[in-house]
C-alpha atoms as a PDB file:
ATOM      1  CA  MET A   1       0.000   0.000   0.000  1.00  0.00           C
ATOM      2  CA  CYS A   2       2.816   2.419   0.872  1.00  0.00           C
ATOM      3  CA  LEU A   3       4.548   4.380  -1.861  1.00  0.00           C
ATOM      4  CA  HIS A   4       6.785   6.394   0.486  1.00  0.00           C
ATOM      5  CA  GLN A   5      10.569   6.121   0.387  1.00  0.00           C
ATOM      6  CA  PRO A   6      11.759   4.702   2.672  1.00  0.00           C
ATOM      7  CA  GLN A   7       8.692   2.530   2.864  1.00  0.00           C
ATOM      8  CA  CYS A   8       6.489   2.845   5.953  1.00  0.00           C
ATOM      9  CA  PRO A   9       6.270  -0.038   8.436  1.00  0.00           C
ATOM     10  CA  SER A  10       3.765  -2.749   7.546  1.00  0.00           C
ATOM     11  CA  ALA A  11       0.574  -3.269   9.553  1.00  0.00           C
ATOM     12  CA  ASP A  12       2.213  -6.290  11.215  1.00  0.00           C
ATOM     13  CA  ALA A  13       5.357  -4.412  12.315  1.00  0.00           C
ATOM     14  CA  SER A  14       5.808  -3.399  15.943  1.00  0.00           C
ATOM     15  CA  ASP A  15       6.299   0.238  14.848  1.00  0.00           C
ATOM     16  CA  ARG A  16       3.229   0.305  12.558  1.00  0.00           C
ATOM     17  CA  GLU A  17       2.037   3.621  14.094  1.00  0.00           C
ATOM     18  CA  ALA A  18       5.024   5.354  12.421  1.00  0.00           C
ATOM     19  CA  ALA A  19       3.360   5.077   8.993  1.00  0.00           C
ATOM     20  CA  HIS A  20       2.191   8.261   7.254  1.00  0.00           C
ATOM     21  CA  VAL A  21      -1.349   9.484   7.865  1.00  0.00           C
ATOM     22  CA  THR A  22      -3.462   9.334   4.689  1.00  0.00           C
ATOM     23  CA  ALA A  23      -6.745  10.540   6.213  1.00  0.00           C
ATOM     24  CA  SER A  24      -7.320  12.261   9.530  1.00  0.00           C
ATOM     25  CA  HIS A  25     -10.624  12.855  11.265  1.00  0.00           C
ATOM     26  CA  SER A  26      -9.488  14.394  14.541  1.00  0.00           C
ATOM     27  CA  GLU A  27     -13.027  15.552  15.303  1.00  0.00           C
ATOM     28  CA  GLN A  28     -13.984  11.861  15.376  1.00  0.00           C
ATOM     29  CA  GLY A  29     -10.757  10.711  17.016  1.00  0.00           C
ATOM     30  CA  TRP A  30      -9.203   8.522  14.317  1.00  0.00           C
ATOM     31  CA  SER A  31      -6.666   8.491  11.491  1.00  0.00           C
ATOM     32  CA  LEU A  32      -6.042   6.097   8.616  1.00  0.00           C
ATOM     33  CA  LEU A  33      -2.394   5.246   8.060  1.00  0.00           C
ATOM     34  CA  CYS A  34      -0.906   4.342   4.668  1.00  0.00           C
ATOM     35  CA  ASN A  35      -0.345   0.755   5.865  1.00  0.00           C
ATOM     36  CA  GLY A  36      -4.112   0.328   6.316  1.00  0.00           C
ATOM     37  CA  VAL A  37      -4.134   0.685  10.115  1.00  0.00           C
ATOM     38  CA  LEU A  38      -6.993   2.662  11.630  1.00  0.00           C
ATOM     39  CA  LEU A  39      -5.451   4.478  14.599  1.00  0.00           C
ATOM     40  CA  PHE A  40      -7.621   5.950  17.349  1.00  0.00           C
ATOM     41  CA  GLU A  41      -6.595   8.841  19.595  1.00  0.00           C
ATOM     42  CA  ASP A  42      -6.837   6.567  22.660  1.00  0.00           C
ATOM     43  CA  THR A  43      -4.043   4.441  21.039  1.00  0.00           C
ATOM     44  CA  GLY A  44      -6.405   1.628  20.052  1.00  0.00           C
ATOM     45  CA  GLU A  45      -6.108   0.265  16.520  1.00  0.00           C
ATOM     46  CA  ILE A  46      -7.948  -1.779  13.928  1.00  0.00           C
ATOM     47  CA  LEU A  47      -5.589  -3.636  11.608  1.00  0.00           C
ATOM     48  CA  PRO A  48      -6.380  -4.208   7.912  1.00  0.00           C
ATOM     49  CA  ASP A  49      -7.262  -7.867   8.574  1.00  0.00           C
ATOM     50  CA  GLY A  50      -9.877  -6.839  11.179  1.00  0.00           C
ATOM     51  CA  ARG A  51      -7.837  -7.588  14.305  1.00  0.00           C
ATOM     52  CA  VAL A  52      -8.297  -5.129  17.145  1.00  0.00           C
ATOM     53  CA  VAL A  53      -5.385  -3.794  19.195  1.00  0.00           C
ATOM     54  CA  ASP A  54      -6.506  -2.572  22.610  1.00  0.00           C
ATOM     55  CA  PRO A  55      -5.476   0.902  23.759  1.00  0.00           C
ATOM     56  CA  ARG A  56      -2.186   1.070  25.642  1.00  0.00           C
ATOM     57  CA  ARG A  57      -2.977   3.539  28.383  1.00  0.00           C
ATOM     58  CA  PRO A  58      -1.031   3.671  31.644  1.00  0.00           C
ATOM     59  CA  THR A  59      -2.778   2.213  34.660  1.00  0.00           C
ATOM     60  CA  ASP A  60      -2.898   3.775  38.107  1.00  0.00           C
ATOM     61  CA  ALA A  61      -0.330   1.194  39.263  1.00  0.00           C
ATOM     62  CA  GLN A  62       2.163   2.430  36.663  1.00  0.00           C
ATOM     63  CA  LEU A  63       1.838   6.104  37.583  1.00  0.00           C
ATOM     64  CA  THR A  64       4.328   7.534  40.000  1.00  0.00           C
ATOM     65  CA  PRO A  65       3.371  10.301  42.414  1.00  0.00           C
ATOM     66  CA  GLY A  66       4.503  13.709  41.290  1.00  0.00           C
END
């Protein structure tokens, strides 16, 4: 799908979120990346094959007092 040089990471790569944005709908909270990944502002994703990647938000246990 990607025509960028160097080519963007594939939808299966661990750094897939680094792909270029081809469509952005910030008012709705999502962007479509050139590798076919639908990326949501809460860090959740839908991959081109339909798999869902849960959001990766920090939990209270991971937060340190400031």
